[in-house]
Amino acid sequence: MQEAQIGALFVLAASGGILLLAKNPHGGEHLRDLLAGQILWVRYAQLAIPLAVTVFTLALLWTWRGRLPQLGFYLVFALAVTVSVQLVGVYLVFATLIVPSLGARSYPPRRRTALAYAIAVLGYALGLVLSAVLDLPSGALIIWCLAALAIGAQAAAPRCSRHIVSPVSNK
């Protein structure tokens, strides 16, 4: 259910951007930036609002530690995603939210978060370096690096010897 709600908020934010750009004569250009992003061309002045939203989000999550109502979490999440999309684009935000956690899903719970962060940081670093060396679009290359690292992490995951118990009992 949560994945569906996150997906719904994500697609609403993305399509809302399209609607806002529909009457703009430079809308196609802005739409491309909205989808693919321009991570290399973000100016320091553009970071003020995302910084404020990040500080607010972290303070809220820290204060409510596990007690934030589900609706509250999704509203804060939607705000953070919307601000992020303005900087780096829909594809990169979506990949950053999903791909590292997919790469870490087969690991023991105590290692998943650290591994997902490692995949994300390494994916961004490797993508930016390769983008500079190969003269390719940064956002797209970061996404491919995230995916490659996640696939590598899954390939290296420890194989669980426990059997998965079916929720349907055999009586």
N, C-alpha and C. Protein backbone atom coordinates (compact mmCIF):
# COMPACT_ATOMS: atom_id res chain seq x y z
N MET A 1 0.82 -1.20 0.00
CA MET A 1 0.00 0.00 0.00
C MET A 1 0.87 1.26 0.00
N GLN A 2 1.95 1.24 0.81
CA GLN A 2 2.79 2.43 0.89
C GLN A 2 3.44 2.75 -0.45
N GLU A 3 3.89 1.72 -1.16
CA GLU A 3 4.51 1.93 -2.45
C GLU A 3 3.53 2.60 -3.42
N ALA A 4 2.30 2.16 -3.37
CA ALA A 4 1.28 2.75 -4.24
C ALA A 4 1.04 4.22 -3.88
N GLN A 5 1.00 4.54 -2.61
CA GLN A 5 0.81 5.92 -2.19
C GLN A 5 1.99 6.79 -2.60
N ILE A 6 3.20 6.27 -2.41
CA ILE A 6 4.39 7.01 -2.81
C ILE A 6 4.37 7.23 -4.32
N GLY A 7 4.06 6.18 -5.07
CA GLY A 7 3.99 6.31 -6.53
C GLY A 7 2.94 7.31 -6.96
N ALA A 8 1.80 7.31 -6.29
CA ALA A 8 0.73 8.25 -6.62
C ALA A 8 1.17 9.69 -6.36
N LEU A 9 1.81 9.94 -5.22
CA LEU A 9 2.30 11.30 -4.93
C LEU A 9 3.36 11.71 -5.94
N PHE A 10 4.20 10.77 -6.29
CA PHE A 10 5.27 11.06 -7.24
C PHE A 10 4.70 11.45 -8.60
N VAL A 11 3.76 10.66 -9.09
CA VAL A 11 3.19 10.94 -10.41
C VAL A 11 2.34 12.22 -10.38
N LEU A 12 1.71 12.51 -9.27
CA LEU A 12 0.98 13.78 -9.15
C LEU A 12 1.92 14.97 -9.22
N ALA A 13 3.05 14.87 -8.53
CA ALA A 13 4.03 15.96 -8.57
C ALA A 13 4.59 16.14 -9.98
N ALA A 14 4.92 15.03 -10.63
CA ALA A 14 5.48 15.10 -11.98
C ALA A 14 4.47 15.66 -12.98
N SER A 15 3.24 15.17 -12.92
CA SER A 15 2.24 15.67 -13.86
C SER A 15 1.82 17.10 -13.53
N GLY A 16 1.89 17.47 -12.28
CA GLY A 16 1.63 18.86 -11.90
C GLY A 16 2.64 19.80 -12.54
N GLY A 17 3.90 19.36 -12.60
CA GLY A 17 4.92 20.16 -13.28
C GLY A 17 4.61 20.33 -14.75
N ILE A 18 4.12 19.28 -15.38
CA ILE A 18 3.74 19.36 -16.80
C ILE A 18 2.61 20.37 -16.98
N LEU A 19 1.62 20.32 -16.10
CA LEU A 19 0.50 21.26 -16.19
C LEU A 19 0.96 22.70 -15.99
N LEU A 20 1.87 22.91 -15.07
CA LEU A 20 2.38 24.26 -14.83
C LEU A 20 3.15 24.80 -16.03
N LEU A 21 3.77 23.90 -16.80
CA LEU A 21 4.58 24.32 -17.94
C LEU A 21 3.82 24.33 -19.27
N ALA A 22 2.57 23.90 -19.26
CA ALA A 22 1.81 23.72 -20.49
C ALA A 22 1.70 25.00 -21.33
N LYS A 23 1.54 26.14 -20.73
CA LYS A 23 1.35 27.40 -21.47
C LYS A 23 2.64 28.21 -21.61
N ASN A 24 3.74 27.69 -21.10
CA ASN A 24 5.02 28.39 -21.16
C ASN A 24 5.67 28.16 -22.52
N PRO A 25 6.11 29.22 -23.22
CA PRO A 25 6.72 29.03 -24.54
C PRO A 25 8.03 28.22 -24.48
N HIS A 26 8.67 28.21 -23.35
CA HIS A 26 9.89 27.42 -23.17
C HIS A 26 9.60 26.16 -22.35
N GLY A 27 8.34 25.75 -22.36
CA GLY A 27 7.90 24.62 -21.55
C GLY A 27 8.63 23.32 -21.86
N GLY A 28 8.91 23.06 -23.13
CA GLY A 28 9.61 21.83 -23.51
C GLY A 28 10.99 21.75 -22.88
N GLU A 29 11.68 22.86 -22.88
CA GLU A 29 13.01 22.93 -22.27
C GLU A 29 12.93 22.72 -20.76
N HIS A 30 11.96 23.38 -20.14
CA HIS A 30 11.77 23.24 -18.71
C HIS A 30 11.35 21.81 -18.35
N LEU A 31 10.52 21.21 -19.20
CA LEU A 31 10.08 19.84 -18.97
C LEU A 31 11.26 18.88 -19.01
N ARG A 32 12.14 19.07 -19.99
CA ARG A 32 13.33 18.23 -20.06
C ARG A 32 14.16 18.36 -18.78
N ASP A 33 14.32 19.57 -18.30
CA ASP A 33 15.05 19.79 -17.05
C ASP A 33 14.33 19.14 -15.88
N LEU A 34 13.00 19.21 -15.89
CA LEU A 34 12.22 18.60 -14.81
C LEU A 34 12.39 17.08 -14.80
N LEU A 35 12.43 16.48 -15.98
CA LEU A 35 12.56 15.02 -16.06
C LEU A 35 14.00 14.56 -15.85
N ALA A 36 14.92 15.10 -16.62
CA ALA A 36 16.30 14.63 -16.59
C ALA A 36 17.18 15.42 -15.63
N GLY A 37 16.78 16.62 -15.29
CA GLY A 37 17.53 17.42 -14.33
C GLY A 37 18.77 18.06 -14.93
N GLN A 38 19.33 18.95 -14.18
CA GLN A 38 20.57 19.63 -14.54
C GLN A 38 21.44 19.70 -13.29
N ILE A 39 21.83 18.55 -12.78
CA ILE A 39 22.54 18.49 -11.50
C ILE A 39 23.83 19.30 -11.51
N LEU A 40 24.49 19.40 -12.64
CA LEU A 40 25.75 20.15 -12.71
C LEU A 40 25.55 21.65 -12.71
N TRP A 41 24.34 22.10 -13.01
CA TRP A 41 24.10 23.53 -13.15
C TRP A 41 23.28 24.12 -12.01
N VAL A 42 23.18 23.41 -10.90
CA VAL A 42 22.49 23.93 -9.73
C VAL A 42 23.36 25.01 -9.10
N ARG A 43 22.77 26.18 -8.88
CA ARG A 43 23.50 27.30 -8.28
C ARG A 43 23.29 27.29 -6.76
N TYR A 44 24.23 27.88 -6.05
CA TYR A 44 24.13 27.92 -4.59
C TYR A 44 22.84 28.59 -4.14
N ALA A 45 22.40 29.61 -4.86
CA ALA A 45 21.17 30.31 -4.50
C ALA A 45 19.96 29.38 -4.56
N GLN A 46 20.01 28.39 -5.46
CA GLN A 46 18.91 27.44 -5.58
C GLN A 46 18.84 26.46 -4.42
N LEU A 47 19.86 26.41 -3.60
CA LEU A 47 19.91 25.44 -2.50
C LEU A 47 19.28 25.96 -1.21
N ALA A 48 18.92 27.24 -1.15
CA ALA A 48 18.38 27.82 0.08
C ALA A 48 17.05 27.16 0.49
N ILE A 49 16.11 27.05 -0.42
CA ILE A 49 14.81 26.45 -0.09
C ILE A 49 14.96 24.96 0.21
N PRO A 50 15.67 24.20 -0.62
CA PRO A 50 15.86 22.78 -0.27
C PRO A 50 16.56 22.59 1.08
N LEU A 51 17.49 23.47 1.42
CA LEU A 51 18.14 23.38 2.72
C LEU A 51 17.13 23.60 3.84
N ALA A 52 16.29 24.61 3.70
CA ALA A 52 15.27 24.88 4.71
C ALA A 52 14.30 23.70 4.84
N VAL A 53 13.88 23.14 3.71
CA VAL A 53 12.96 21.99 3.73
C VAL A 53 13.64 20.78 4.37
N THR A 54 14.91 20.57 4.07
CA THR A 54 15.66 19.45 4.65
C THR A 54 15.79 19.60 6.16
N VAL A 55 16.14 20.79 6.62
CA VAL A 55 16.26 21.04 8.06
C VAL A 55 14.91 20.82 8.74
N PHE A 56 13.85 21.34 8.14
CA PHE A 56 12.50 21.16 8.68
C PHE A 56 12.13 19.67 8.74
N THR A 57 12.40 18.95 7.64
CA THR A 57 12.06 17.53 7.57
C THR A 57 12.83 16.73 8.61
N LEU A 58 14.14 16.97 8.71
CA LEU A 58 14.95 16.23 9.69
C LEU A 58 14.51 16.55 11.12
N ALA A 59 14.21 17.81 11.39
CA ALA A 59 13.74 18.19 12.72
C ALA A 59 12.42 17.51 13.05
N LEU A 60 11.52 17.50 12.09
CA LEU A 60 10.22 16.86 12.29
C LEU A 60 10.37 15.36 12.52
N LEU A 61 11.17 14.71 11.68
CA LEU A 61 11.37 13.26 11.82
C LEU A 61 12.08 12.92 13.13
N TRP A 62 13.03 13.76 13.54
CA TRP A 62 13.75 13.51 14.79
C TRP A 62 12.81 13.72 15.98
N THR A 63 12.03 14.78 15.94
CA THR A 63 11.12 15.09 17.05
C THR A 63 10.05 14.01 17.21
N TRP A 64 9.51 13.53 16.11
CA TRP A 64 8.41 12.58 16.16
C TRP A 64 8.88 11.13 16.12
N ARG A 65 10.14 10.85 15.92
CA ARG A 65 10.74 9.51 15.88
C ARG A 65 9.75 8.35 15.97
N GLY A 66 9.22 7.95 14.84
CA GLY A 66 8.34 6.79 14.80
C GLY A 66 6.90 7.06 15.19
N ARG A 67 6.59 8.28 15.61
CA ARG A 67 5.22 8.59 16.04
C ARG A 67 4.50 9.50 15.06
N LEU A 68 5.16 9.84 13.96
CA LEU A 68 4.55 10.71 12.96
C LEU A 68 3.42 9.94 12.28
N PRO A 69 2.23 10.49 12.27
CA PRO A 69 1.12 9.80 11.60
C PRO A 69 1.46 9.54 10.13
N GLN A 70 0.90 8.48 9.58
CA GLN A 70 1.20 8.09 8.20
C GLN A 70 0.94 9.23 7.22
N LEU A 71 -0.17 9.90 7.36
CA LEU A 71 -0.49 11.02 6.47
C LEU A 71 0.57 12.11 6.60
N GLY A 72 0.98 12.40 7.82
CA GLY A 72 2.01 13.41 8.05
C GLY A 72 3.31 13.05 7.37
N PHE A 73 3.69 11.77 7.49
CA PHE A 73 4.91 11.32 6.83
C PHE A 73 4.82 11.53 5.32
N TYR A 74 3.70 11.15 4.72
CA TYR A 74 3.56 11.27 3.27
C TYR A 74 3.53 12.73 2.82
N LEU A 75 2.96 13.61 3.62
CA LEU A 75 2.97 15.02 3.27
C LEU A 75 4.39 15.59 3.31
N VAL A 76 5.15 15.24 4.34
CA VAL A 76 6.54 15.68 4.44
C VAL A 76 7.36 15.07 3.31
N PHE A 77 7.11 13.80 3.02
CA PHE A 77 7.81 13.10 1.94
C PHE A 77 7.51 13.78 0.60
N ALA A 78 6.26 14.11 0.35
CA ALA A 78 5.88 14.77 -0.91
C ALA A 78 6.56 16.13 -1.04
N LEU A 79 6.65 16.87 0.06
CA LEU A 79 7.32 18.16 0.05
C LEU A 79 8.81 17.99 -0.29
N ALA A 80 9.46 17.02 0.34
CA ALA A 80 10.89 16.78 0.09
C ALA A 80 11.13 16.34 -1.35
N VAL A 81 10.28 15.47 -1.87
CA VAL A 81 10.44 15.01 -3.25
C VAL A 81 10.23 16.15 -4.23
N THR A 82 9.22 16.97 -4.00
CA THR A 82 8.93 18.08 -4.90
C THR A 82 10.10 19.05 -4.96
N VAL A 83 10.67 19.36 -3.81
CA VAL A 83 11.82 20.27 -3.77
C VAL A 83 13.02 19.63 -4.48
N SER A 84 13.23 18.34 -4.28
CA SER A 84 14.36 17.65 -4.90
C SER A 84 14.22 17.60 -6.41
N VAL A 85 13.01 17.36 -6.88
CA VAL A 85 12.77 17.27 -8.33
C VAL A 85 13.13 18.59 -9.00
N GLN A 86 12.89 19.70 -8.34
CA GLN A 86 13.21 21.00 -8.91
C GLN A 86 14.71 21.14 -9.16
N LEU A 87 15.52 20.45 -8.37
CA LEU A 87 16.97 20.56 -8.52
C LEU A 87 17.56 19.55 -9.50
N VAL A 88 17.19 18.29 -9.36
CA VAL A 88 17.89 17.24 -10.11
C VAL A 88 17.02 16.45 -11.07
N GLY A 89 15.73 16.66 -11.08
CA GLY A 89 14.85 15.99 -12.04
C GLY A 89 14.15 14.76 -11.48
N VAL A 90 13.07 14.42 -12.13
CA VAL A 90 12.21 13.32 -11.71
C VAL A 90 12.95 11.98 -11.74
N TYR A 91 13.65 11.72 -12.83
CA TYR A 91 14.29 10.42 -12.97
C TYR A 91 15.33 10.18 -11.88
N LEU A 92 16.15 11.16 -11.61
CA LEU A 92 17.21 11.00 -10.62
C LEU A 92 16.63 10.88 -9.21
N VAL A 93 15.61 11.65 -8.89
CA VAL A 93 14.98 11.54 -7.58
C VAL A 93 14.36 10.15 -7.41
N PHE A 94 13.63 9.71 -8.42
CA PHE A 94 12.98 8.41 -8.34
C PHE A 94 14.01 7.29 -8.20
N ALA A 95 15.06 7.34 -9.01
CA ALA A 95 16.11 6.31 -8.93
C ALA A 95 16.79 6.34 -7.57
N THR A 96 17.02 7.51 -7.02
CA THR A 96 17.68 7.63 -5.72
C THR A 96 16.81 7.06 -4.61
N LEU A 97 15.51 7.22 -4.73
CA LEU A 97 14.59 6.70 -3.72
C LEU A 97 14.49 5.17 -3.77
N ILE A 98 14.52 4.61 -4.96
CA ILE A 98 14.19 3.20 -5.13
C ILE A 98 15.41 2.30 -5.28
N VAL A 99 16.33 2.63 -6.15
CA VAL A 99 17.39 1.71 -6.55
C VAL A 99 18.31 1.29 -5.40
N PRO A 100 18.83 2.21 -4.57
CA PRO A 100 19.70 1.74 -3.48
C PRO A 100 19.01 0.76 -2.52
N SER A 101 17.75 1.00 -2.22
CA SER A 101 17.05 0.07 -1.32
C SER A 101 16.83 -1.28 -1.98
N LEU A 102 16.62 -1.31 -3.29
CA LEU A 102 16.52 -2.58 -3.99
C LEU A 102 17.83 -3.35 -3.93
N GLY A 103 18.94 -2.63 -4.02
CA GLY A 103 20.24 -3.27 -3.95
C GLY A 103 20.54 -3.86 -2.59
N ALA A 104 19.94 -3.31 -1.54
CA ALA A 104 20.23 -3.76 -0.18
C ALA A 104 19.18 -4.71 0.39
N ARG A 105 18.15 -5.02 -0.35
CA ARG A 105 17.01 -5.74 0.23
C ARG A 105 17.31 -7.16 0.68
N SER A 106 18.34 -7.81 0.15
CA SER A 106 18.63 -9.19 0.52
C SER A 106 19.62 -9.31 1.68
N TYR A 107 20.01 -8.20 2.23
CA TYR A 107 20.98 -8.20 3.33
C TYR A 107 20.26 -8.22 4.67
N PRO A 108 20.96 -8.57 5.74
CA PRO A 108 20.34 -8.54 7.07
C PRO A 108 19.84 -7.12 7.39
N PRO A 109 18.73 -7.02 8.08
CA PRO A 109 18.13 -5.69 8.36
C PRO A 109 19.10 -4.68 8.96
N ARG A 110 20.01 -5.10 9.80
CA ARG A 110 20.92 -4.14 10.45
C ARG A 110 21.93 -3.55 9.48
N ARG A 111 22.11 -4.16 8.30
CA ARG A 111 23.08 -3.67 7.32
C ARG A 111 22.44 -2.94 6.15
N ARG A 112 21.14 -3.03 6.00
CA ARG A 112 20.47 -2.51 4.81
C ARG A 112 20.62 -1.00 4.64
N THR A 113 20.37 -0.24 5.68
CA THR A 113 20.41 1.22 5.56
C THR A 113 21.80 1.70 5.17
N ALA A 114 22.82 1.20 5.86
CA ALA A 114 24.20 1.61 5.55
C ALA A 114 24.57 1.22 4.13
N LEU A 115 24.18 0.04 3.70
CA LEU A 115 24.49 -0.40 2.34
C LEU A 115 23.75 0.46 1.31
N ALA A 116 22.50 0.76 1.56
CA ALA A 116 21.74 1.61 0.63
C ALA A 116 22.38 2.99 0.51
N TYR A 117 22.81 3.56 1.63
CA TYR A 117 23.50 4.86 1.58
C TYR A 117 24.80 4.74 0.80
N ALA A 118 25.54 3.67 1.00
CA ALA A 118 26.80 3.46 0.28
C ALA A 118 26.56 3.36 -1.22
N ILE A 119 25.54 2.62 -1.61
CA ILE A 119 25.20 2.51 -3.04
C ILE A 119 24.87 3.89 -3.60
N ALA A 120 24.09 4.67 -2.87
CA ALA A 120 23.71 6.00 -3.34
C ALA A 120 24.91 6.93 -3.48
N VAL A 121 25.74 6.99 -2.46
CA VAL A 121 26.90 7.89 -2.49
C VAL A 121 27.88 7.47 -3.59
N LEU A 122 28.17 6.19 -3.66
CA LEU A 122 29.09 5.70 -4.70
C LEU A 122 28.50 5.88 -6.10
N GLY A 123 27.20 5.66 -6.23
CA GLY A 123 26.55 5.83 -7.53
C GLY A 123 26.64 7.27 -8.02
N TYR A 124 26.40 8.22 -7.12
CA TYR A 124 26.50 9.63 -7.48
C TYR A 124 27.95 9.99 -7.83
N ALA A 125 28.89 9.56 -6.98
CA ALA A 125 30.30 9.90 -7.22
C ALA A 125 30.79 9.30 -8.53
N LEU A 126 30.53 8.03 -8.74
CA LEU A 126 30.97 7.36 -9.96
C LEU A 126 30.28 7.97 -11.18
N GLY A 127 29.00 8.25 -11.07
CA GLY A 127 28.26 8.85 -12.19
C GLY A 127 28.80 10.21 -12.57
N LEU A 128 29.11 11.04 -11.57
CA LEU A 128 29.64 12.37 -11.86
C LEU A 128 31.03 12.29 -12.49
N VAL A 129 31.87 11.40 -11.98
CA VAL A 129 33.22 11.25 -12.54
C VAL A 129 33.14 10.74 -13.98
N LEU A 130 32.36 9.69 -14.19
CA LEU A 130 32.23 9.15 -15.55
C LEU A 130 31.60 10.15 -16.50
N SER A 131 30.67 10.95 -15.99
CA SER A 131 30.05 11.98 -16.81
C SER A 131 31.09 12.98 -17.30
N ALA A 132 32.00 13.36 -16.43
CA ALA A 132 33.05 14.31 -16.80
C ALA A 132 34.04 13.67 -17.78
N VAL A 133 34.40 12.42 -17.53
CA VAL A 133 35.39 11.73 -18.38
C VAL A 133 34.81 11.40 -19.75
N LEU A 134 33.56 10.91 -19.77
CA LEU A 134 32.96 10.46 -21.03
C LEU A 134 32.13 11.53 -21.74
N ASP A 135 31.96 12.68 -21.10
CA ASP A 135 31.15 13.77 -21.64
C ASP A 135 29.73 13.30 -21.98
N LEU A 136 29.09 12.68 -20.98
CA LEU A 136 27.72 12.20 -21.10
C LEU A 136 26.85 12.90 -20.06
N PRO A 137 25.53 12.93 -20.23
CA PRO A 137 24.64 13.60 -19.27
C PRO A 137 24.77 12.99 -17.86
N SER A 138 24.98 13.85 -16.90
CA SER A 138 25.25 13.42 -15.53
C SER A 138 24.10 12.65 -14.90
N GLY A 139 22.89 13.19 -14.99
CA GLY A 139 21.75 12.56 -14.34
C GLY A 139 21.53 11.13 -14.81
N ALA A 140 21.54 10.94 -16.12
CA ALA A 140 21.33 9.60 -16.68
C ALA A 140 22.45 8.66 -16.29
N LEU A 141 23.69 9.14 -16.30
CA LEU A 141 24.81 8.28 -15.95
C LEU A 141 24.80 7.92 -14.46
N ILE A 142 24.38 8.84 -13.62
CA ILE A 142 24.25 8.53 -12.20
C ILE A 142 23.23 7.41 -12.00
N ILE A 143 22.12 7.49 -12.71
CA ILE A 143 21.08 6.46 -12.59
C ILE A 143 21.63 5.10 -12.99
N TRP A 144 22.37 5.05 -14.09
CA TRP A 144 22.94 3.77 -14.54
C TRP A 144 23.99 3.26 -13.55
N CYS A 145 24.75 4.15 -12.95
CA CYS A 145 25.73 3.73 -11.93
C CYS A 145 25.03 3.21 -10.69
N LEU A 146 23.95 3.88 -10.27
CA LEU A 146 23.17 3.38 -9.14
C LEU A 146 22.65 1.97 -9.43
N ALA A 147 22.13 1.78 -10.63
CA ALA A 147 21.59 0.47 -11.00
C ALA A 147 22.69 -0.59 -11.03
N ALA A 148 23.84 -0.27 -11.61
CA ALA A 148 24.94 -1.24 -11.68
C ALA A 148 25.42 -1.63 -10.28
N LEU A 149 25.55 -0.64 -9.39
CA LEU A 149 25.98 -0.93 -8.02
C LEU A 149 24.94 -1.75 -7.27
N ALA A 150 23.67 -1.45 -7.50
CA ALA A 150 22.60 -2.21 -6.84
C ALA A 150 22.59 -3.66 -7.33
N ILE A 151 22.78 -3.86 -8.63
CA ILE A 151 22.84 -5.22 -9.17
C ILE A 151 24.05 -5.95 -8.59
N GLY A 152 25.18 -5.25 -8.51
CA GLY A 152 26.38 -5.86 -7.91
C GLY A 152 26.17 -6.22 -6.45
N ALA A 153 25.50 -5.35 -5.71
CA ALA A 153 25.22 -5.64 -4.30
C ALA A 153 24.30 -6.85 -4.16
N GLN A 154 23.31 -6.93 -5.04
CA GLN A 154 22.41 -8.09 -5.01
C GLN A 154 23.16 -9.37 -5.37
N ALA A 155 24.05 -9.30 -6.32
CA ALA A 155 24.83 -10.48 -6.72
C ALA A 155 25.74 -10.94 -5.60
N ALA A 156 26.22 -10.01 -4.78
CA ALA A 156 27.12 -10.34 -3.67
C ALA A 156 26.39 -10.61 -2.37
N ALA A 157 25.08 -10.52 -2.38
CA ALA A 157 24.29 -10.68 -1.15
C ALA A 157 24.45 -12.08 -0.58
N PRO A 158 24.48 -12.17 0.74
CA PRO A 158 24.54 -13.50 1.36
C PRO A 158 23.25 -14.25 1.08
N ARG A 159 23.38 -15.49 0.77
CA ARG A 159 22.20 -16.33 0.51
C ARG A 159 21.65 -16.83 1.83
N CYS A 160 20.40 -16.59 2.03
CA CYS A 160 19.72 -16.96 3.27
C CYS A 160 19.41 -18.45 3.26
N SER A 161 19.74 -19.14 4.35
CA SER A 161 19.48 -20.57 4.42
C SER A 161 18.09 -20.88 4.97
N ARG A 162 17.44 -19.83 5.51
CA ARG A 162 16.10 -20.06 6.04
C ARG A 162 15.10 -20.15 4.90
N HIS A 163 14.10 -20.95 5.10
CA HIS A 163 13.03 -21.08 4.09
C HIS A 163 12.00 -19.98 4.34
N ILE A 164 11.45 -19.48 3.28
CA ILE A 164 10.40 -18.47 3.40
C ILE A 164 9.12 -19.18 3.77
N VAL A 165 8.49 -18.71 4.83
CA VAL A 165 7.26 -19.32 5.30
C VAL A 165 6.09 -18.65 4.59
N SER A 166 5.26 -19.46 4.01
CA SER A 166 4.09 -18.96 3.32
C SER A 166 3.05 -18.50 4.33
N PRO A 167 2.37 -17.39 4.04
CA PRO A 167 1.33 -16.93 4.96
C PRO A 167 0.12 -17.86 4.96
N VAL A 168 0.01 -18.72 3.98
CA VAL A 168 -1.10 -19.67 3.91
C VAL A 168 -0.63 -20.99 4.53
N SER A 169 -1.28 -21.40 5.57
CA SER A 169 -0.85 -22.64 6.22
C SER A 169 -1.50 -23.83 5.52
N ASN A 170 -0.77 -24.91 5.52
CA ASN A 170 -1.27 -26.16 4.93
C ASN A 170 -1.92 -26.99 6.03
N LYS A 171 -3.22 -27.10 6.05
CA LYS A 171 -3.91 -27.85 7.09
C LYS A 171 -4.47 -29.10 6.54
